[in-house]
Amino acid sequence: MKMRILVTGGGGFLGRHIVGQLLKAGHAVVAYQRSAHPDLEALGVEVVRGGLLDNEPLGQAMRGVEAVIHTAAMAGVWGKAKPYWDANHLGTLAVLRAMEGHGVERLVHCSTPSVVFTGEAFEGADEALP
């Protein structure tokens, strides 16, 4: 079944690889990110620019999609907590609200270890880490 799929962070490291695999499988892809990506557009990807907390462009990107792969995140372990909270928590909530508003029911969420980093090194960490 071919689908129209939105990839948040479609121009990023992980998102770009996912976009490539989706195109190879014959899916129509919408990439949503803050910067322009003419290389993705050249591949036939619809690129919509905006931040995760920008309701209008996020809603535009969501129109007509059947699934979302959410890879956009603020990664890293330095800096102030608020930008991480805004991107990773509030941004994910915004994606969920936009999905709900457009009737999109399928989501793959790719997170980042930054959401649980406390300043201490991870030892023996896995998906069960709170």
N, C-alpha and C. Protein backbone atom coordinates (compact mmCIF):
# COMPACT_ATOMS: atom_id res chain seq x y z
N MET A 1 0.84 -1.18 0.00
CA MET A 1 0.00 0.00 0.00
C MET A 1 0.89 1.25 0.00
N LYS A 2 0.79 2.04 -1.03
CA LYS A 2 1.54 3.29 -1.12
C LYS A 2 0.80 4.36 -0.34
N MET A 3 1.56 5.16 0.39
CA MET A 3 0.97 6.18 1.25
C MET A 3 1.65 7.53 1.01
N ARG A 4 0.99 8.56 1.50
CA ARG A 4 1.58 9.91 1.58
C ARG A 4 2.01 10.07 3.03
N ILE A 5 3.32 10.24 3.25
CA ILE A 5 3.88 10.21 4.60
C ILE A 5 4.65 11.50 4.88
N LEU A 6 4.39 12.07 6.04
CA LEU A 6 5.11 13.26 6.51
C LEU A 6 6.27 12.82 7.38
N VAL A 7 7.45 13.35 7.10
CA VAL A 7 8.63 13.11 7.93
C VAL A 7 9.05 14.45 8.53
N THR A 8 8.87 14.62 9.84
CA THR A 8 9.35 15.84 10.48
C THR A 8 10.87 15.69 10.61
N GLY A 9 11.57 16.77 10.37
CA GLY A 9 13.03 16.68 10.37
C GLY A 9 13.54 15.90 9.17
N GLY A 10 12.80 15.93 8.08
CA GLY A 10 13.13 15.15 6.89
C GLY A 10 14.46 15.50 6.26
N GLY A 11 15.00 16.66 6.56
CA GLY A 11 16.31 17.04 6.02
C GLY A 11 17.45 16.76 6.97
N GLY A 12 17.15 16.24 8.15
CA GLY A 12 18.19 15.94 9.13
C GLY A 12 18.86 14.60 8.87
N PHE A 13 19.78 14.24 9.74
CA PHE A 13 20.57 13.02 9.55
C PHE A 13 19.68 11.78 9.44
N LEU A 14 18.86 11.52 10.43
CA LEU A 14 17.99 10.36 10.42
C LEU A 14 16.86 10.54 9.41
N GLY A 15 16.22 11.71 9.43
CA GLY A 15 15.08 11.96 8.55
C GLY A 15 15.41 11.79 7.08
N ARG A 16 16.59 12.25 6.67
CA ARG A 16 16.99 12.14 5.26
C ARG A 16 17.08 10.68 4.83
N HIS A 17 17.59 9.82 5.69
CA HIS A 17 17.68 8.40 5.37
C HIS A 17 16.29 7.76 5.29
N ILE A 18 15.41 8.16 6.19
CA ILE A 18 14.04 7.65 6.16
C ILE A 18 13.33 8.10 4.89
N VAL A 19 13.50 9.37 4.53
CA VAL A 19 12.90 9.89 3.30
C VAL A 19 13.37 9.06 2.10
N GLY A 20 14.65 8.78 2.04
CA GLY A 20 15.18 7.98 0.93
C GLY A 20 14.57 6.60 0.86
N GLN A 21 14.39 5.96 1.99
CA GLN A 21 13.78 4.63 2.02
C GLN A 21 12.31 4.68 1.62
N LEU A 22 11.61 5.71 2.07
CA LEU A 22 10.20 5.86 1.70
C LEU A 22 10.04 6.07 0.20
N LEU A 23 10.90 6.92 -0.37
CA LEU A 23 10.85 7.15 -1.81
C LEU A 23 11.15 5.87 -2.58
N LYS A 24 12.15 5.14 -2.11
CA LYS A 24 12.53 3.89 -2.76
C LYS A 24 11.36 2.90 -2.76
N ALA A 25 10.55 2.94 -1.70
CA ALA A 25 9.40 2.05 -1.58
C ALA A 25 8.18 2.57 -2.36
N GLY A 26 8.31 3.76 -2.97
CA GLY A 26 7.23 4.28 -3.80
C GLY A 26 6.24 5.18 -3.10
N HIS A 27 6.52 5.59 -1.88
CA HIS A 27 5.61 6.46 -1.14
C HIS A 27 5.79 7.92 -1.57
N ALA A 28 4.75 8.71 -1.43
CA ALA A 28 4.84 10.16 -1.59
C ALA A 28 5.28 10.72 -0.24
N VAL A 29 6.24 11.65 -0.26
CA VAL A 29 6.83 12.12 0.99
C VAL A 29 6.72 13.64 1.10
N VAL A 30 6.34 14.07 2.30
CA VAL A 30 6.37 15.48 2.68
C VAL A 30 7.44 15.59 3.76
N ALA A 31 8.40 16.49 3.59
CA ALA A 31 9.44 16.72 4.60
C ALA A 31 9.16 18.06 5.27
N TYR A 32 9.17 18.07 6.58
CA TYR A 32 8.90 19.30 7.34
C TYR A 32 10.13 19.62 8.18
N GLN A 33 10.71 20.78 7.95
CA GLN A 33 11.85 21.22 8.73
C GLN A 33 12.01 22.73 8.62
N ARG A 34 12.93 23.27 9.40
CA ARG A 34 13.12 24.72 9.46
C ARG A 34 13.85 25.29 8.24
N SER A 35 14.67 24.51 7.59
CA SER A 35 15.48 25.04 6.50
C SER A 35 15.06 24.47 5.14
N ALA A 36 15.47 25.17 4.09
CA ALA A 36 15.17 24.73 2.73
C ALA A 36 16.03 23.51 2.39
N HIS A 37 15.50 22.64 1.57
CA HIS A 37 16.24 21.46 1.11
C HIS A 37 15.94 21.21 -0.36
N PRO A 38 16.58 22.00 -1.25
CA PRO A 38 16.34 21.81 -2.68
C PRO A 38 16.75 20.42 -3.15
N ASP A 39 17.68 19.77 -2.44
CA ASP A 39 18.08 18.41 -2.81
C ASP A 39 16.92 17.44 -2.63
N LEU A 40 16.11 17.64 -1.59
CA LEU A 40 14.93 16.79 -1.39
C LEU A 40 13.87 17.10 -2.43
N GLU A 41 13.67 18.39 -2.71
CA GLU A 41 12.70 18.78 -3.72
C GLU A 41 13.05 18.18 -5.08
N ALA A 42 14.35 18.11 -5.39
CA ALA A 42 14.80 17.54 -6.66
C ALA A 42 14.45 16.05 -6.77
N LEU A 43 14.25 15.40 -5.62
CA LEU A 43 13.88 13.98 -5.59
C LEU A 43 12.36 13.79 -5.66
N GLY A 44 11.61 14.91 -5.66
CA GLY A 44 10.15 14.82 -5.71
C GLY A 44 9.48 14.93 -4.35
N VAL A 45 10.25 15.28 -3.34
CA VAL A 45 9.70 15.45 -1.99
C VAL A 45 9.08 16.83 -1.88
N GLU A 46 7.88 16.90 -1.30
CA GLU A 46 7.27 18.19 -0.99
C GLU A 46 7.90 18.69 0.30
N VAL A 47 8.55 19.84 0.25
CA VAL A 47 9.21 20.39 1.43
C VAL A 47 8.38 21.54 1.98
N VAL A 48 8.04 21.45 3.26
CA VAL A 48 7.32 22.51 3.95
C VAL A 48 8.23 22.99 5.08
N ARG A 49 8.43 24.30 5.13
CA ARG A 49 9.33 24.87 6.14
C ARG A 49 8.57 25.45 7.32
N GLY A 50 9.08 25.15 8.51
CA GLY A 50 8.51 25.70 9.73
C GLY A 50 9.07 24.98 10.93
N GLY A 51 8.82 25.56 12.10
CA GLY A 51 9.23 24.94 13.35
C GLY A 51 8.09 24.09 13.90
N LEU A 52 8.43 23.24 14.85
CA LEU A 52 7.42 22.35 15.43
C LEU A 52 6.31 23.10 16.14
N LEU A 53 6.60 24.31 16.60
CA LEU A 53 5.58 25.08 17.32
C LEU A 53 4.87 26.09 16.41
N ASP A 54 5.12 26.00 15.10
CA ASP A 54 4.47 26.88 14.13
C ASP A 54 3.23 26.18 13.58
N ASN A 55 2.08 26.50 14.13
CA ASN A 55 0.84 25.78 13.81
C ASN A 55 0.46 25.81 12.34
N GLU A 56 0.55 26.97 11.69
CA GLU A 56 0.08 27.07 10.31
C GLU A 56 0.90 26.20 9.34
N PRO A 57 2.24 26.33 9.31
CA PRO A 57 2.96 25.46 8.38
C PRO A 57 2.90 23.98 8.77
N LEU A 58 2.84 23.69 10.06
CA LEU A 58 2.73 22.29 10.48
C LEU A 58 1.40 21.71 9.99
N GLY A 59 0.34 22.48 10.09
CA GLY A 59 -0.95 22.04 9.58
C GLY A 59 -0.93 21.87 8.07
N GLN A 60 -0.24 22.78 7.37
CA GLN A 60 -0.11 22.66 5.92
C GLN A 60 0.62 21.36 5.56
N ALA A 61 1.67 21.04 6.29
CA ALA A 61 2.44 19.81 6.02
C ALA A 61 1.59 18.57 6.28
N MET A 62 0.67 18.67 7.21
CA MET A 62 -0.14 17.53 7.63
C MET A 62 -1.28 17.21 6.66
N ARG A 63 -1.65 18.16 5.83
CA ARG A 63 -2.80 17.97 4.93
C ARG A 63 -2.59 16.80 3.97
N GLY A 64 -3.52 15.87 4.00
CA GLY A 64 -3.51 14.78 3.04
C GLY A 64 -2.54 13.65 3.34
N VAL A 65 -1.84 13.70 4.49
CA VAL A 65 -0.94 12.59 4.80
C VAL A 65 -1.68 11.49 5.55
N GLU A 66 -1.17 10.30 5.42
CA GLU A 66 -1.79 9.14 6.07
C GLU A 66 -0.97 8.65 7.26
N ALA A 67 0.26 9.12 7.37
CA ALA A 67 1.13 8.71 8.48
C ALA A 67 2.19 9.79 8.69
N VAL A 68 2.72 9.83 9.91
CA VAL A 68 3.79 10.75 10.28
C VAL A 68 4.93 9.96 10.88
N ILE A 69 6.14 10.26 10.42
CA ILE A 69 7.34 9.76 11.08
C ILE A 69 8.01 10.99 11.68
N HIS A 70 7.99 11.06 13.00
CA HIS A 70 8.44 12.26 13.72
C HIS A 70 9.88 12.08 14.18
N THR A 71 10.81 12.69 13.41
CA THR A 71 12.23 12.60 13.76
C THR A 71 12.80 13.94 14.20
N ALA A 72 12.04 15.02 14.05
CA ALA A 72 12.54 16.34 14.43
C ALA A 72 12.70 16.39 15.94
N ALA A 73 13.86 16.85 16.38
CA ALA A 73 14.14 16.94 17.81
C ALA A 73 15.34 17.84 18.02
N MET A 74 15.48 18.32 19.21
CA MET A 74 16.71 19.00 19.59
C MET A 74 17.55 17.96 20.31
N ALA A 75 18.67 17.63 19.72
CA ALA A 75 19.56 16.63 20.30
C ALA A 75 20.78 17.33 20.91
N GLY A 76 21.51 16.61 21.69
CA GLY A 76 22.70 17.15 22.34
C GLY A 76 22.54 17.15 23.84
N VAL A 77 23.60 17.50 24.50
CA VAL A 77 23.59 17.45 25.97
C VAL A 77 24.18 18.73 26.57
N TRP A 78 24.03 19.83 25.88
CA TRP A 78 24.55 21.09 26.37
C TRP A 78 23.50 22.17 26.18
N GLY A 79 23.66 23.25 26.90
CA GLY A 79 22.73 24.36 26.75
C GLY A 79 21.64 24.34 27.80
N LYS A 80 20.75 25.29 27.67
CA LYS A 80 19.65 25.44 28.62
C LYS A 80 18.53 24.42 28.34
N ALA A 81 17.77 24.10 29.37
CA ALA A 81 16.73 23.07 29.28
C ALA A 81 15.52 23.51 28.44
N LYS A 82 15.19 24.80 28.45
CA LYS A 82 13.96 25.26 27.79
C LYS A 82 13.91 24.93 26.30
N PRO A 83 14.96 25.17 25.51
CA PRO A 83 14.87 24.81 24.09
C PRO A 83 14.65 23.31 23.87
N TYR A 84 15.21 22.48 24.74
CA TYR A 84 14.99 21.03 24.64
C TYR A 84 13.53 20.70 24.96
N TRP A 85 13.00 21.31 26.01
CA TRP A 85 11.60 21.10 26.39
C TRP A 85 10.67 21.54 25.27
N ASP A 86 10.95 22.74 24.73
CA ASP A 86 10.09 23.28 23.68
C ASP A 86 10.08 22.36 22.45
N ALA A 87 11.25 21.96 21.99
CA ALA A 87 11.33 21.14 20.77
C ALA A 87 10.85 19.72 21.00
N ASN A 88 11.36 19.09 22.05
CA ASN A 88 11.13 17.66 22.22
C ASN A 88 9.81 17.32 22.90
N HIS A 89 9.36 18.14 23.81
CA HIS A 89 8.09 17.86 24.48
C HIS A 89 6.94 18.63 23.82
N LEU A 90 7.04 19.96 23.86
CA LEU A 90 5.97 20.77 23.29
C LEU A 90 5.84 20.54 21.77
N GLY A 91 6.97 20.36 21.10
CA GLY A 91 6.95 20.10 19.66
C GLY A 91 6.24 18.80 19.33
N THR A 92 6.49 17.76 20.11
CA THR A 92 5.82 16.48 19.89
C THR A 92 4.33 16.61 20.17
N LEU A 93 3.96 17.35 21.21
CA LEU A 93 2.54 17.59 21.48
C LEU A 93 1.88 18.33 20.32
N ALA A 94 2.60 19.30 19.74
CA ALA A 94 2.07 20.04 18.59
C ALA A 94 1.85 19.12 17.39
N VAL A 95 2.79 18.20 17.17
CA VAL A 95 2.63 17.23 16.08
C VAL A 95 1.40 16.37 16.32
N LEU A 96 1.23 15.91 17.55
CA LEU A 96 0.06 15.08 17.89
C LEU A 96 -1.25 15.85 17.69
N ARG A 97 -1.29 17.12 18.11
CA ARG A 97 -2.50 17.93 17.92
C ARG A 97 -2.79 18.14 16.44
N ALA A 98 -1.74 18.41 15.66
CA ALA A 98 -1.94 18.60 14.22
C ALA A 98 -2.43 17.31 13.56
N MET A 99 -1.89 16.19 13.99
CA MET A 99 -2.36 14.90 13.47
C MET A 99 -3.84 14.72 13.78
N GLU A 100 -4.20 14.97 15.02
CA GLU A 100 -5.59 14.82 15.43
C GLU A 100 -6.50 15.74 14.61
N GLY A 101 -6.06 16.97 14.40
CA GLY A 101 -6.85 17.93 13.66
C GLY A 101 -7.03 17.58 12.19
N HIS A 102 -6.13 16.77 11.66
CA HIS A 102 -6.20 16.37 10.25
C HIS A 102 -6.55 14.90 10.08
N GLY A 103 -6.93 14.24 11.16
CA GLY A 103 -7.38 12.85 11.07
C GLY A 103 -6.28 11.85 10.74
N VAL A 104 -5.03 12.18 11.05
CA VAL A 104 -3.92 11.27 10.79
C VAL A 104 -3.78 10.34 11.99
N GLU A 105 -3.84 9.04 11.74
CA GLU A 105 -3.88 8.06 12.84
C GLU A 105 -2.60 7.26 13.03
N ARG A 106 -1.65 7.35 12.10
CA ARG A 106 -0.44 6.53 12.19
C ARG A 106 0.76 7.41 12.52
N LEU A 107 1.52 7.01 13.55
CA LEU A 107 2.69 7.76 13.98
C LEU A 107 3.83 6.82 14.34
N VAL A 108 5.01 7.15 13.82
CA VAL A 108 6.25 6.54 14.31
C VAL A 108 7.02 7.69 14.95
N HIS A 109 7.34 7.55 16.23
CA HIS A 109 8.04 8.61 16.95
C HIS A 109 9.46 8.17 17.24
N CYS A 110 10.41 8.94 16.72
CA CYS A 110 11.83 8.69 16.99
C CYS A 110 12.29 9.78 17.95
N SER A 111 12.78 9.39 19.10
CA SER A 111 13.16 10.36 20.11
C SER A 111 14.68 10.52 20.15
N THR A 112 15.16 11.14 21.19
CA THR A 112 16.57 11.39 21.38
C THR A 112 16.92 11.13 22.84
N PRO A 113 18.12 10.65 23.13
CA PRO A 113 18.52 10.46 24.52
C PRO A 113 18.51 11.77 25.31
N SER A 114 18.51 12.90 24.60
CA SER A 114 18.50 14.20 25.28
C SER A 114 17.30 14.38 26.19
N VAL A 115 16.21 13.65 25.92
CA VAL A 115 15.01 13.84 26.73
C VAL A 115 15.14 13.24 28.13
N VAL A 116 16.13 12.40 28.34
CA VAL A 116 16.30 11.80 29.68
C VAL A 116 17.69 12.07 30.27
N PHE A 117 18.49 12.88 29.60
CA PHE A 117 19.85 13.14 30.08
C PHE A 117 19.82 13.98 31.35
N THR A 118 20.54 13.54 32.37
CA THR A 118 20.58 14.23 33.65
C THR A 118 21.92 14.87 33.94
N GLY A 119 22.87 14.73 33.02
CA GLY A 119 24.22 15.21 33.27
C GLY A 119 25.18 14.08 33.59
N GLU A 120 24.63 12.91 33.85
CA GLU A 120 25.43 11.72 34.16
C GLU A 120 25.48 10.82 32.93
N ALA A 121 26.58 10.09 32.78
CA ALA A 121 26.71 9.17 31.65
C ALA A 121 25.68 8.05 31.76
N PHE A 122 25.17 7.59 30.62
CA PHE A 122 24.26 6.45 30.58
C PHE A 122 25.08 5.17 30.70
N GLU A 123 24.71 4.30 31.60
CA GLU A 123 25.35 2.99 31.71
C GLU A 123 24.27 1.94 31.75
N GLY A 124 24.31 0.99 30.83
CA GLY A 124 23.30 -0.07 30.78
C GLY A 124 21.92 0.44 30.40
N ALA A 125 21.86 1.57 29.70
CA ALA A 125 20.57 2.17 29.35
C ALA A 125 19.92 1.40 28.20
N ASP A 126 18.61 1.32 28.21
CA ASP A 126 17.84 0.75 27.11
C ASP A 126 16.49 1.46 27.05
N GLU A 127 15.56 0.90 26.29
CA GLU A 127 14.27 1.54 26.11
C GLU A 127 13.46 1.65 27.41
N ALA A 128 13.86 0.92 28.45
CA ALA A 128 13.12 0.96 29.71
C ALA A 128 13.55 2.15 30.59
N LEU A 129 14.56 2.89 30.16
CA LEU A 129 15.01 4.04 30.95
C LEU A 129 13.85 5.02 31.11
N PRO A 130 13.54 5.45 32.32
CA PRO A 130 12.40 6.37 32.51
C PRO A 130 12.64 7.74 31.89
